[in-house]
């Protein structure tokens, strides 16, 4: 079959569609003929050799696909060949064929295109898990969502607004702030111009808030903790602040790393605040039944038309280098 492997840590220019051995489904797995796959910032981190959970080079990346089941493994009960599905994959999604645990897959709604379906698993599962499983988001809560114009951000904004919440969200350009307003964000904040810690408190009438979703990390985490009230939660995922590890950037990363490793557990306990880390790949591997439940909840929201996919661009897989550069530049929005 054809696939796009990462041969070694390097730049996007090296990525090519190449020959690669076809996978076979193990017990309780499905083999999917891939029609579309989604890109995620974790792909950038893995390409640079910075993702601890990634296989050893060479490997095929990719965490989410949509397509048609071509074969099922022993014990699979809920799917059959010919079913159209979307699924979270344990890497190996940039390929003509990919395998997935049947609990990480769901049938694709007839009204949804393959591209729309492939844009759902990572972004919407991360948003749902972060808000409702770890963030314990209550109705009418006040929540700050960093990188609001990104894929997870726009998914989380929709879910929080559907839950009756007041939403603060950060972005780095006026164009992205306008997009946040279109999605109902109550208080868009330009982090390039304003200190979000001061702005959130000011915009909230001097009061602290309930939940923060943070995909940036680094020095942001301590500021996040400063703006949540007792019983508040900071949910961290992604740590985009640490994604650039070239030798010239190392001195600038030292303060970011120190900010992340010097969080005081005693302070969290005394102030009744929580910090929760999210890695959906670990959830999928070690708690697949929870993942299956969350995927079902997300798809119910789509069926009820309370959520919309957010695709900024569809590209040929032969444009994979350009797609990676676009995502890495943080110029894109949505999926």
C-alpha atoms as a PDB file:
ATOM      1  CA  UNK A   1       0.000   0.000   0.000  1.00  0.00           C
ATOM      2  CA  UNK A   2       0.945   3.686  -0.057  1.00  0.00           C
ATOM      3  CA  UNK A   3       1.623   5.705   3.097  1.00  0.00           C
ATOM      4  CA  UNK A   4       3.502   8.778   4.334  1.00  0.00           C
ATOM      5  CA  UNK A   5       6.173   7.620   6.796  1.00  0.00           C
ATOM      6  CA  UNK A   6       8.415   9.672   9.039  1.00  0.00           C
ATOM      7  CA  UNK A   7      11.815   8.165   8.191  1.00  0.00           C
ATOM      8  CA  UNK A   8      13.755  10.296  10.677  1.00  0.00           C
ATOM      9  CA  UNK A   9      13.323  13.487  12.676  1.00  0.00           C
ATOM     10  CA  UNK A  10      13.309  16.372  10.247  1.00  0.00           C
ATOM     11  CA  UNK A  11      11.544  19.031   8.243  1.00  0.00           C
ATOM     12  CA  UNK A  12       8.258  18.738   6.396  1.00  0.00           C
ATOM     13  CA  UNK A  13      10.002  18.969   2.999  1.00  0.00           C
ATOM     14  CA  UNK A  14      11.180  15.368   3.384  1.00  0.00           C
ATOM     15  CA  UNK A  15       7.661  13.900   3.568  1.00  0.00           C
ATOM     16  CA  UNK A  16       6.576  11.758   0.605  1.00  0.00           C
ATOM     17  CA  UNK A  17       3.920   9.211  -0.325  1.00  0.00           C
ATOM     18  CA  UNK A  18       5.832   5.908  -0.371  1.00  0.00           C
ATOM     19  CA  UNK A  19       5.356   2.151  -0.344  1.00  0.00           C
ATOM     20  CA  UNK A  20       4.734   0.700   3.121  1.00  0.00           C
ATOM     21  CA  UNK A  21       3.607  -2.737   4.395  1.00  0.00           C
ATOM     22  CA  UNK A  22      -0.153  -3.047   4.721  1.00  0.00           C
ATOM     23  CA  UNK A  23      -1.468  -3.643   8.265  1.00  0.00           C
ATOM     24  CA  UNK A  24      -3.640  -6.547   9.372  1.00  0.00           C
ATOM     25  CA  UNK A  25      -6.394  -6.277  11.984  1.00  0.00           C
ATOM     26  CA  UNK A  26      -5.782  -8.091  15.260  1.00  0.00           C
ATOM     27  CA  UNK A  27      -8.578  -9.327  17.517  1.00  0.00           C
ATOM     28  CA  UNK A  28     -11.190  -6.612  18.177  1.00  0.00           C
ATOM     29  CA  UNK A  29      -9.672  -4.367  15.504  1.00  0.00           C
ATOM     30  CA  UNK A  30     -11.040  -3.134  12.198  1.00  0.00           C
ATOM     31  CA  UNK A  31      -9.109  -2.493   8.975  1.00  0.00           C
ATOM     32  CA  UNK A  32     -10.179   0.756   7.326  1.00  0.00           C
ATOM     33  CA  UNK A  33      -9.662   1.784   3.722  1.00  0.00           C
ATOM     34  CA  UNK A  34      -8.793   5.404   4.446  1.00  0.00           C
ATOM     35  CA  UNK A  35     -10.671   8.096   2.554  1.00  0.00           C
ATOM     36  CA  UNK A  36      -9.467  11.054   4.655  1.00  0.00           C
ATOM     37  CA  UNK A  37      -7.176  11.682   7.609  1.00  0.00           C
ATOM     38  CA  UNK A  38      -6.789  14.700   9.880  1.00  0.00           C
ATOM     39  CA  UNK A  39      -3.644  16.615  10.811  1.00  0.00           C
ATOM     40  CA  UNK A  40      -2.856  17.552  14.401  1.00  0.00           C
ATOM     41  CA  UNK A  41      -0.142  19.517  16.144  1.00  0.00           C
ATOM     42  CA  UNK A  42       1.014  16.277  17.734  1.00  0.00           C
ATOM     43  CA  UNK A  43       2.024  15.193  14.218  1.00  0.00           C
ATOM     44  CA  UNK A  44       4.442  18.129  14.109  1.00  0.00           C
ATOM     45  CA  UNK A  45       5.904  17.170  17.481  1.00  0.00           C
ATOM     46  CA  UNK A  46       6.259  13.531  16.415  1.00  0.00           C
ATOM     47  CA  UNK A  47       7.921  14.525  13.127  1.00  0.00           C
ATOM     48  CA  UNK A  48      10.563  16.417  15.110  1.00  0.00           C
ATOM     49  CA  UNK A  49      11.235  13.392  17.296  1.00  0.00           C
ATOM     50  CA  UNK A  50       9.819  15.079  20.405  1.00  0.00           C
ATOM     51  CA  UNK A  51       6.802  12.852  21.126  1.00  0.00           C
ATOM     52  CA  UNK A  52       7.633  10.268  23.789  1.00  0.00           C
ATOM     53  CA  UNK A  53       4.668   8.040  22.884  1.00  0.00           C
ATOM     54  CA  UNK A  54       5.610   7.813  19.210  1.00  0.00           C
ATOM     55  CA  UNK A  55       7.045   4.589  17.752  1.00  0.00           C
ATOM     56  CA  UNK A  56      10.717   4.487  16.818  1.00  0.00           C
ATOM     57  CA  UNK A  57      11.618   5.875  13.406  1.00  0.00           C
ATOM     58  CA  UNK A  58      10.614   4.998  10.783  1.00  0.00           C
ATOM     59  CA  UNK A  59       6.864   4.972  11.404  1.00  0.00           C
ATOM     60  CA  UNK A  60       3.649   6.235   9.839  1.00  0.00           C
ATOM     61  CA  UNK A  61       1.953   9.046  11.803  1.00  0.00           C
ATOM     62  CA  UNK A  62      -1.727   9.908  12.024  1.00  0.00           C
ATOM     63  CA  UNK A  63      -4.293   9.710  14.820  1.00  0.00           C
ATOM     64  CA  UNK A  64      -7.647  10.008  13.044  1.00  0.00           C
ATOM     65  CA  UNK A  65      -9.163   8.674   9.853  1.00  0.00           C
ATOM     66  CA  UNK A  66     -12.435   8.105   8.092  1.00  0.00           C
ATOM     67  CA  UNK A  67     -13.138   5.468   5.486  1.00  0.00           C
ATOM     68  CA  UNK A  68     -14.709   2.122   4.676  1.00  0.00           C
ATOM     69  CA  UNK A  69     -14.116  -1.063   6.636  1.00  0.00           C
ATOM     70  CA  UNK A  70     -12.454  -3.667   4.438  1.00  0.00           C
ATOM     71  CA  UNK A  71     -11.860  -6.366   7.058  1.00  0.00           C
ATOM     72  CA  UNK A  72     -12.650  -7.075  10.710  1.00  0.00           C
ATOM     73  CA  UNK A  73     -10.565  -8.972  13.264  1.00  0.00           C
ATOM     74  CA  UNK A  74     -11.731 -11.815  15.488  1.00  0.00           C
ATOM     75  CA  UNK A  75     -14.325 -10.847  18.058  1.00  0.00           C
ATOM     76  CA  UNK A  76     -15.511  -7.652  16.370  1.00  0.00           C
ATOM     77  CA  UNK A  77     -19.256  -7.405  16.964  1.00  0.00           C
ATOM     78  CA  UNK A  78     -20.403  -3.928  16.027  1.00  0.00           C
ATOM     79  CA  UNK A  79     -18.938  -3.512  12.532  1.00  0.00           C
ATOM     80  CA  UNK A  80     -18.765  -5.379   9.243  1.00  0.00           C
ATOM     81  CA  UNK A  81     -16.951  -4.895   5.933  1.00  0.00           C
ATOM     82  CA  UNK A  82     -18.521  -2.078   3.942  1.00  0.00           C
ATOM     83  CA  UNK A  83     -19.420   0.065   6.972  1.00  0.00           C
ATOM     84  CA  UNK A  84     -18.373   3.711   6.683  1.00  0.00           C
ATOM     85  CA  UNK A  85     -16.660   4.823   9.884  1.00  0.00           C
ATOM     86  CA  UNK A  86     -14.546   7.453  11.600  1.00  0.00           C
ATOM     87  CA  UNK A  87     -11.913   6.363  14.072  1.00  0.00           C
ATOM     88  CA  UNK A  88      -9.088   7.327  16.385  1.00  0.00           C
ATOM     89  CA  UNK A  89      -5.946   5.425  15.390  1.00  0.00           C
ATOM     90  CA  UNK A  90      -2.825   4.555  17.389  1.00  0.00           C
ATOM     91  CA  UNK A  91      -0.574   6.293  14.819  1.00  0.00           C
ATOM     92  CA  UNK A  92      -0.399   4.905  11.234  1.00  0.00           C
ATOM     93  CA  UNK A  93      -3.287   7.011   9.901  1.00  0.00           C
ATOM     94  CA  UNK A  94      -1.403   8.639   6.986  1.00  0.00           C
ATOM     95  CA  UNK A  95      -1.984   5.597   4.795  1.00  0.00           C
ATOM     96  CA  UNK A  96      -4.284   3.862   2.353  1.00  0.00           C
ATOM     97  CA  UNK A  97      -5.234   1.384   5.088  1.00  0.00           C
ATOM     98  CA  UNK A  98      -5.240   1.808   8.860  1.00  0.00           C
ATOM     99  CA  UNK A  99      -6.326  -0.310  11.817  1.00  0.00           C
ATOM    100  CA  UNK A 100      -8.291   0.847  14.835  1.00  0.00           C
ATOM    101  CA  UNK A 101      -9.695  -0.710  17.989  1.00  0.00           C
ATOM    102  CA  UNK A 102     -13.419  -1.141  17.393  1.00  0.00           C
ATOM    103  CA  UNK A 103     -14.086   0.838  20.602  1.00  0.00           C
ATOM    104  CA  UNK A 104     -12.288   3.838  19.042  1.00  0.00           C
ATOM    105  CA  UNK A 105     -14.549   3.854  15.999  1.00  0.00           C
ATOM    106  CA  UNK A 106     -18.124   4.828  15.215  1.00  0.00           C
ATOM    107  CA  UNK A 107     -20.243   4.644  12.079  1.00  0.00           C
ATOM    108  CA  UNK A 108     -20.132   7.740   9.922  1.00  0.00           C
ATOM    109  CA  UNK A 109     -23.426   9.611   9.609  1.00  0.00           C
ATOM    110  CA  UNK A 110     -24.759   9.412   6.043  1.00  0.00           C
ATOM    111  CA  UNK A 111     -25.033  13.190   5.824  1.00  0.00           C
ATOM    112  CA  UNK A 112     -21.356  13.707   6.686  1.00  0.00           C
ATOM    113  CA  UNK A 113     -18.508  13.707   4.171  1.00  0.00           C
ATOM    114  CA  UNK A 114     -15.382  11.646   4.795  1.00  0.00           C
ATOM    115  CA  UNK A 115     -13.381  14.858   5.299  1.00  0.00           C
ATOM    116  CA  UNK A 116     -15.861  16.122   7.901  1.00  0.00           C
ATOM    117  CA  UNK A 117     -15.795  12.761   9.671  1.00  0.00           C
ATOM    118  CA  UNK A 118     -11.980  12.659   9.802  1.00  0.00           C
ATOM    119  CA  UNK A 119     -11.929  16.091  11.442  1.00  0.00           C
ATOM    120  CA  UNK A 120     -13.842  14.883  14.517  1.00  0.00           C
ATOM    121  CA  UNK A 121     -11.952  12.271  16.595  1.00  0.00           C
ATOM    122  CA  UNK A 122      -8.943  14.141  17.985  1.00  0.00           C
ATOM    123  CA  UNK A 123     -10.350  17.647  18.305  1.00  0.00           C
ATOM    124  CA  UNK A 124     -13.806  16.884  19.622  1.00  0.00           C
ATOM    125  CA  UNK A 125     -12.774  14.010  21.885  1.00  0.00           C
ATOM    126  CA  UNK A 126      -9.996  16.134  23.401  1.00  0.00           C
ATOM    127  CA  UNK A 127     -12.429  19.002  23.942  1.00  0.00           C
ATOM    128  CA  UNK A 128     -15.111  16.759  25.457  1.00  0.00           C
ATOM    129  CA  UNK A 129     -12.698  14.880  27.729  1.00  0.00           C
ATOM    130  CA  UNK A 130     -11.006  18.096  28.873  1.00  0.00           C
ATOM    131  CA  UNK A 131     -14.243  19.939  29.637  1.00  0.00           C
ATOM    132  CA  UNK A 132     -16.469  17.248  31.090  1.00  0.00           C
ATOM    133  CA  UNK A 133     -14.307  14.373  32.317  1.00  0.00           C
ATOM    134  CA  UNK A 134     -11.397  16.351  33.770  1.00  0.00           C
ATOM    135  CA  UNK A 135     -12.633  19.946  33.859  1.00  0.00           C
ATOM    136  CA  UNK A 136     -15.924  18.935  35.528  1.00  0.00           C
ATOM    137  CA  UNK A 137     -17.563  21.831  33.703  1.00  0.00           C
ATOM    138  CA  UNK A 138     -20.868  22.853  35.255  1.00  0.00           C
ATOM    139  CA  UNK A 139     -23.664  24.735  33.558  1.00  0.00           C
ATOM    140  CA  UNK A 140     -23.248  28.512  33.550  1.00  0.00           C
ATOM    141  CA  UNK A 141     -19.555  28.212  34.475  1.00  0.00           C
ATOM    142  CA  UNK A 142     -16.915  30.650  33.252  1.00  0.00           C
ATOM    143  CA  UNK A 143     -14.208  29.073  31.133  1.00  0.00           C
ATOM    144  CA  UNK A 144     -11.057  30.331  29.394  1.00  0.00           C
ATOM    145  CA  UNK A 145      -9.967  28.487  26.241  1.00  0.00           C
ATOM    146  CA  UNK A 146      -6.467  29.177  24.950  1.00  0.00           C
ATOM    147  CA  UNK A 147      -5.767  28.928  21.199  1.00  0.00           C
ATOM    148  CA  UNK A 148      -9.486  29.342  20.680  1.00  0.00           C
ATOM    149  CA  UNK A 149      -9.288  29.471  16.872  1.00  0.00           C
ATOM    150  CA  UNK A 150      -7.587  26.070  16.664  1.00  0.00           C
ATOM    151  CA  UNK A 151      -9.339  22.767  16.140  1.00  0.00           C
ATOM    152  CA  UNK A 152      -9.709  21.797  19.796  1.00  0.00           C
ATOM    153  CA  UNK A 153     -10.446  25.394  20.726  1.00  0.00           C
ATOM    154  CA  UNK A 154     -13.395  25.783  18.349  1.00  0.00           C
ATOM    155  CA  UNK A 155     -14.752  22.377  19.386  1.00  0.00           C
ATOM    156  CA  UNK A 156     -14.507  23.316  23.070  1.00  0.00           C
ATOM    157  CA  UNK A 157     -16.122  26.722  22.472  1.00  0.00           C
ATOM    158  CA  UNK A 158     -19.154  25.059  20.882  1.00  0.00           C
ATOM    159  CA  UNK A 159     -19.491  22.580  23.742  1.00  0.00           C
ATOM    160  CA  UNK A 160     -19.090  25.235  26.434  1.00  0.00           C
ATOM    161  CA  UNK A 161     -21.640  27.562  24.810  1.00  0.00           C
ATOM    162  CA  UNK A 162     -24.084  24.649  24.446  1.00  0.00           C
ATOM    163  CA  UNK A 163     -23.616  24.131  28.192  1.00  0.00           C
ATOM    164  CA  UNK A 164     -24.648  27.703  28.966  1.00  0.00           C
ATOM    165  CA  UNK A 165     -21.147  28.856  29.872  1.00  0.00           C
ATOM    166  CA  UNK A 166     -19.522  32.261  29.591  1.00  0.00           C
ATOM    167  CA  UNK A 167     -16.481  31.809  27.368  1.00  0.00           C
ATOM    168  CA  UNK A 168     -13.204  33.723  27.320  1.00  0.00           C
ATOM    169  CA  UNK A 169     -10.810  32.709  24.525  1.00  0.00           C
ATOM    170  CA  UNK A 170      -7.380  33.787  23.322  1.00  0.00           C
ATOM    171  CA  UNK A 171      -6.069  34.190  19.778  1.00  0.00           C
ATOM    172  CA  UNK A 172      -3.178  36.044  18.161  1.00  0.00           C
ATOM    173  CA  UNK A 173      -4.757  38.099  15.373  1.00  0.00           C
ATOM    174  CA  UNK A 174      -7.808  40.245  14.702  1.00  0.00           C
ATOM    175  CA  UNK A 175      -8.941  37.808  12.010  1.00  0.00           C
ATOM    176  CA  UNK A 176      -8.938  34.985  14.528  1.00  0.00           C
ATOM    177  CA  UNK A 177     -10.711  37.147  17.117  1.00  0.00           C
ATOM    178  CA  UNK A 178     -13.467  37.769  14.566  1.00  0.00           C
ATOM    179  CA  UNK A 179     -13.777  34.009  14.114  1.00  0.00           C
ATOM    180  CA  UNK A 180     -14.120  33.583  17.881  1.00  0.00           C
ATOM    181  CA  UNK A 181     -16.945  36.117  17.898  1.00  0.00           C
ATOM    182  CA  UNK A 182     -18.705  34.166  15.135  1.00  0.00           C
ATOM    183  CA  UNK A 183     -18.645  31.128  17.406  1.00  0.00           C
ATOM    184  CA  UNK A 184     -20.208  33.045  20.272  1.00  0.00           C
ATOM    185  CA  UNK A 185     -17.163  33.758  22.428  1.00  0.00           C
ATOM    186  CA  UNK A 186     -18.197  36.345  25.014  1.00  0.00           C
ATOM    187  CA  UNK A 187     -14.725  37.760  25.614  1.00  0.00           C
ATOM    188  CA  UNK A 188     -12.107  37.311  22.846  1.00  0.00           C
ATOM    189  CA  UNK A 189      -8.586  38.268  24.016  1.00  0.00           C
ATOM    190  CA  UNK A 190      -5.619  39.067  21.780  1.00  0.00           C
ATOM    191  CA  UNK A 191      -2.709  37.525  23.678  1.00  0.00           C
ATOM    192  CA  UNK A 192      -0.252  39.379  21.422  1.00  0.00           C
ATOM    193  CA  UNK A 193      -1.486  42.725  22.748  1.00  0.00           C
ATOM    194  CA  UNK A 194      -2.906  42.011  26.196  1.00  0.00           C
ATOM    195  CA  UNK A 195      -1.867  39.965  29.211  1.00  0.00           C
ATOM    196  CA  UNK A 196      -4.607  37.351  29.397  1.00  0.00           C
ATOM    197  CA  UNK A 197      -4.275  36.975  33.177  1.00  0.00           C
ATOM    198  CA  UNK A 198      -5.129  40.630  33.784  1.00  0.00           C
ATOM    199  CA  UNK A 199      -7.733  40.739  31.016  1.00  0.00           C
ATOM    200  CA  UNK A 200      -9.742  37.778  32.270  1.00  0.00           C
ATOM    201  CA  UNK A 201      -9.979  39.226  35.780  1.00  0.00           C
ATOM    202  CA  UNK A 202     -10.833  42.684  34.424  1.00  0.00           C
ATOM    203  CA  UNK A 203     -13.478  41.409  32.014  1.00  0.00           C
ATOM    204  CA  UNK A 204     -14.961  39.234  34.756  1.00  0.00           C
ATOM    205  CA  UNK A 205     -15.487  42.188  37.093  1.00  0.00           C
ATOM    206  CA  UNK A 206     -12.503  41.398  39.295  1.00  0.00           C
ATOM    207  CA  UNK A 207     -13.631  37.812  39.892  1.00  0.00           C
ATOM    208  CA  UNK A 208     -11.851  34.558  39.114  1.00  0.00           C
ATOM    209  CA  UNK A 209     -13.200  31.853  36.803  1.00  0.00           C
ATOM    210  CA  UNK A 210     -13.935  28.121  36.928  1.00  0.00           C
ATOM    211  CA  UNK A 211     -12.027  26.268  34.208  1.00  0.00           C
ATOM    212  CA  UNK A 212      -9.073  26.892  31.875  1.00  0.00           C
ATOM    213  CA  UNK A 213      -8.218  24.755  28.839  1.00  0.00           C
ATOM    214  CA  UNK A 214      -4.561  25.261  27.941  1.00  0.00           C
ATOM    215  CA  UNK A 215      -2.818  23.757  24.900  1.00  0.00           C
ATOM    216  CA  UNK A 216       0.138  26.157  25.160  1.00  0.00           C
ATOM    217  CA  UNK A 217       1.750  25.259  28.482  1.00  0.00           C
ATOM    218  CA  UNK A 218       5.025  26.697  29.704  1.00  0.00           C
ATOM    219  CA  UNK A 219       4.633  29.924  31.658  1.00  0.00           C
ATOM    220  CA  UNK A 220       0.898  29.955  30.883  1.00  0.00           C
ATOM    221  CA  UNK A 221       0.145  27.303  33.504  1.00  0.00           C
ATOM    222  CA  UNK A 222       0.996  29.447  36.521  1.00  0.00           C
ATOM    223  CA  UNK A 223      -1.047  32.337  35.142  1.00  0.00           C
ATOM    224  CA  UNK A 224      -3.925  29.934  34.562  1.00  0.00           C
ATOM    225  CA  UNK A 225      -3.816  28.818  38.178  1.00  0.00           C
ATOM    226  CA  UNK A 226      -3.847  32.433  39.323  1.00  0.00           C
ATOM    227  CA  UNK A 227      -7.180  33.113  37.611  1.00  0.00           C
ATOM    228  CA  UNK A 228      -9.193  30.106  38.793  1.00  0.00           C
ATOM    229  CA  UNK A 229     -11.274  30.129  41.947  1.00  0.00           C
ATOM    230  CA  UNK A 230     -11.310  27.396  44.605  1.00  0.00           C
ATOM    231  CA  UNK A 231     -12.552  24.138  43.053  1.00  0.00           C
ATOM    232  CA  UNK A 232     -11.375  25.493  39.702  1.00  0.00           C
ATOM    233  CA  UNK A 233      -9.473  23.315  37.240  1.00  0.00           C
ATOM    234  CA  UNK A 234      -6.681  23.958  34.737  1.00  0.00           C
ATOM    235  CA  UNK A 235      -6.638  21.282  32.051  1.00  0.00           C
ATOM    236  CA  UNK A 236      -3.398  21.107  30.091  1.00  0.00           C
ATOM    237  CA  UNK A 237      -2.765  19.311  26.804  1.00  0.00           C
ATOM    238  CA  UNK A 238      -0.369  19.763  23.907  1.00  0.00           C
ATOM    239  CA  UNK A 239       2.240  22.110  25.464  1.00  0.00           C
ATOM    240  CA  UNK A 240       2.771  23.941  22.164  1.00  0.00           C
ATOM    241  CA  UNK A 241       5.177  26.342  23.886  1.00  0.00           C
ATOM    242  CA  UNK A 242       7.770  23.566  23.943  1.00  0.00           C
ATOM    243  CA  UNK A 243       7.383  22.429  20.336  1.00  0.00           C
ATOM    244  CA  UNK A 244      10.449  24.247  18.991  1.00  0.00           C
ATOM    245  CA  UNK A 245      13.542  22.437  20.189  1.00  0.00           C
ATOM    246  CA  UNK A 246      16.262  23.626  17.864  1.00  0.00           C
ATOM    247  CA  UNK A 247      19.531  24.427  19.614  1.00  0.00           C
ATOM    248  CA  UNK A 248      19.119  28.188  19.206  1.00  0.00           C
ATOM    249  CA  UNK A 249      15.724  28.109  20.933  1.00  0.00           C
ATOM    250  CA  UNK A 250      16.882  26.158  23.993  1.00  0.00           C
ATOM    251  CA  UNK A 251      17.781  29.193  26.143  1.00  0.00           C
ATOM    252  CA  UNK A 252      14.326  30.674  25.591  1.00  0.00           C
ATOM    253  CA  UNK A 253      12.669  27.368  26.512  1.00  0.00           C
ATOM    254  CA  UNK A 254      14.353  27.031  29.912  1.00  0.00           C
ATOM    255  CA  UNK A 255      11.922  29.411  31.693  1.00  0.00           C
ATOM    256  CA  UNK A 256       8.990  27.624  30.026  1.00  0.00           C
ATOM    257  CA  UNK A 257      10.162  24.239  31.289  1.00  0.00           C
ATOM    258  CA  UNK A 258      10.866  25.527  34.797  1.00  0.00           C
ATOM    259  CA  UNK A 259       7.376  27.041  34.962  1.00  0.00           C
ATOM    260  CA  UNK A 260       5.891  23.642  34.204  1.00  0.00           C
ATOM    261  CA  UNK A 261       7.959  21.598  36.658  1.00  0.00           C
ATOM    262  CA  UNK A 262       7.753  23.939  39.646  1.00  0.00           C
ATOM    263  CA  UNK A 263       3.996  23.821  40.182  1.00  0.00           C
ATOM    264  CA  UNK A 264       3.428  23.428  43.905  1.00  0.00           C
ATOM    265  CA  UNK A 265       1.148  20.571  44.914  1.00  0.00           C
ATOM    266  CA  UNK A 266       0.915  22.102  48.382  1.00  0.00           C
ATOM    267  CA  UNK A 267      -0.390  25.364  46.910  1.00  0.00           C
ATOM    268  CA  UNK A 268      -2.962  23.472  44.868  1.00  0.00           C
ATOM    269  CA  UNK A 269      -4.169  21.634  47.951  1.00  0.00           C
ATOM    270  CA  UNK A 270      -4.280  24.681  50.227  1.00  0.00           C
ATOM    271  CA  UNK A 271      -6.166  26.716  47.617  1.00  0.00           C
ATOM    272  CA  UNK A 272      -8.403  23.821  46.566  1.00  0.00           C
ATOM    273  CA  UNK A 273      -7.408  24.122  42.928  1.00  0.00           C
ATOM    274  CA  UNK A 274      -6.693  21.382  40.417  1.00  0.00           C
ATOM    275  CA  UNK A 275      -4.362  20.808  37.490  1.00  0.00           C
ATOM    276  CA  UNK A 276      -5.139  17.942  35.143  1.00  0.00           C
ATOM    277  CA  UNK A 277      -3.061  16.722  32.207  1.00  0.00           C
ATOM    278  CA  UNK A 278      -4.717  15.175  29.156  1.00  0.00           C
ATOM    279  CA  UNK A 279      -3.179  12.784  26.624  1.00  0.00           C
ATOM    280  CA  UNK A 280      -5.964  11.229  24.536  1.00  0.00           C
ATOM    281  CA  UNK A 281      -3.609   8.616  23.126  1.00  0.00           C
ATOM    282  CA  UNK A 282      -3.130   7.271  26.653  1.00  0.00           C
ATOM    283  CA  UNK A 283      -6.882   7.359  27.247  1.00  0.00           C
ATOM    284  CA  UNK A 284      -7.411   5.359  24.054  1.00  0.00           C
ATOM    285  CA  UNK A 285      -4.769   2.776  25.008  1.00  0.00           C
ATOM    286  CA  UNK A 286      -5.533   2.353  28.688  1.00  0.00           C
ATOM    287  CA  UNK A 287      -9.218   3.253  29.048  1.00  0.00           C
ATOM    288  CA  UNK A 288     -10.830   2.385  25.704  1.00  0.00           C
ATOM    289  CA  UNK A 289     -14.271   1.955  27.223  1.00  0.00           C
ATOM    290  CA  UNK A 290     -14.216   5.564  28.449  1.00  0.00           C
ATOM    291  CA  UNK A 291     -13.060   6.667  25.005  1.00  0.00           C
ATOM    292  CA  UNK A 292     -15.932   4.742  23.431  1.00  0.00           C
ATOM    293  CA  UNK A 293     -18.417   6.413  25.789  1.00  0.00           C
ATOM    294  CA  UNK A 294     -17.059   9.872  24.987  1.00  0.00           C
ATOM    295  CA  UNK A 295     -17.104   9.204  21.248  1.00  0.00           C
ATOM    296  CA  UNK A 296     -20.746   8.205  21.551  1.00  0.00           C
ATOM    297  CA  UNK A 297     -21.569  11.398  23.449  1.00  0.00           C
ATOM    298  CA  UNK A 298     -19.833  13.545  20.841  1.00  0.00           C
ATOM    299  CA  UNK A 299     -21.641  11.855  17.957  1.00  0.00           C
ATOM    300  CA  UNK A 300     -24.993  12.307  19.715  1.00  0.00           C
ATOM    301  CA  UNK A 301     -24.295  16.047  19.750  1.00  0.00           C
ATOM    302  CA  UNK A 302     -23.523  15.972  16.031  1.00  0.00           C
ATOM    303  CA  UNK A 303     -26.698  13.989  15.324  1.00  0.00           C
ATOM    304  CA  UNK A 304     -28.701  16.600  17.235  1.00  0.00           C
ATOM    305  CA  UNK A 305     -26.951  19.314  15.161  1.00  0.00           C
ATOM    306  CA  UNK A 306     -25.555  20.980  18.272  1.00  0.00           C
ATOM    307  CA  UNK A 307     -21.983  20.688  16.965  1.00  0.00           C
ATOM    308  CA  UNK A 308     -20.393  21.536  13.636  1.00  0.00           C
ATOM    309  CA  UNK A 309     -17.120  20.400  12.126  1.00  0.00           C
ATOM    310  CA  UNK A 310     -14.586  23.157  11.510  1.00  0.00           C
ATOM    311  CA  UNK A 311     -12.434  22.470   8.448  1.00  0.00           C
ATOM    312  CA  UNK A 312     -10.225  25.281   7.208  1.00  0.00           C
ATOM    313  CA  UNK A 313      -8.737  23.434   4.251  1.00  0.00           C
ATOM    314  CA  UNK A 314      -8.804  20.098   2.437  1.00  0.00           C
ATOM    315  CA  UNK A 315      -5.630  19.040   0.629  1.00  0.00           C
ATOM    316  CA  UNK A 316      -4.239  16.136  -1.377  1.00  0.00           C
ATOM    317  CA  UNK A 317      -1.923  13.908   0.606  1.00  0.00           C
ATOM    318  CA  UNK A 318       0.751  14.719  -1.963  1.00  0.00           C
ATOM    319  CA  UNK A 319       0.668  18.225  -0.412  1.00  0.00           C
ATOM    320  CA  UNK A 320       1.592  16.847   3.003  1.00  0.00           C
ATOM    321  CA  UNK A 321       4.704  19.024   3.346  1.00  0.00           C
ATOM    322  CA  UNK A 322       2.717  22.189   2.675  1.00  0.00           C
ATOM    323  CA  UNK A 323      -0.002  21.047   5.071  1.00  0.00           C
ATOM    324  CA  UNK A 324       2.540  20.496   7.852  1.00  0.00           C
ATOM    325  CA  UNK A 325       4.109  23.911   7.258  1.00  0.00           C
ATOM    326  CA  UNK A 326       0.688  25.567   7.352  1.00  0.00           C
ATOM    327  CA  UNK A 327      -0.202  23.882  10.642  1.00  0.00           C
ATOM    328  CA  UNK A 328       3.202  24.529  12.177  1.00  0.00           C
ATOM    329  CA  UNK A 329       3.032  28.240  11.330  1.00  0.00           C
ATOM    330  CA  UNK A 330      -0.140  28.508  13.457  1.00  0.00           C
ATOM    331  CA  UNK A 331      -1.676  30.494  10.607  1.00  0.00           C
ATOM    332  CA  UNK A 332      -4.492  27.984  10.150  1.00  0.00           C
ATOM    333  CA  UNK A 333      -7.788  27.776  11.997  1.00  0.00           C
ATOM    334  CA  UNK A 334      -9.911  24.754  12.824  1.00  0.00           C
ATOM    335  CA  UNK A 335      -8.849  21.433  11.272  1.00  0.00           C
END
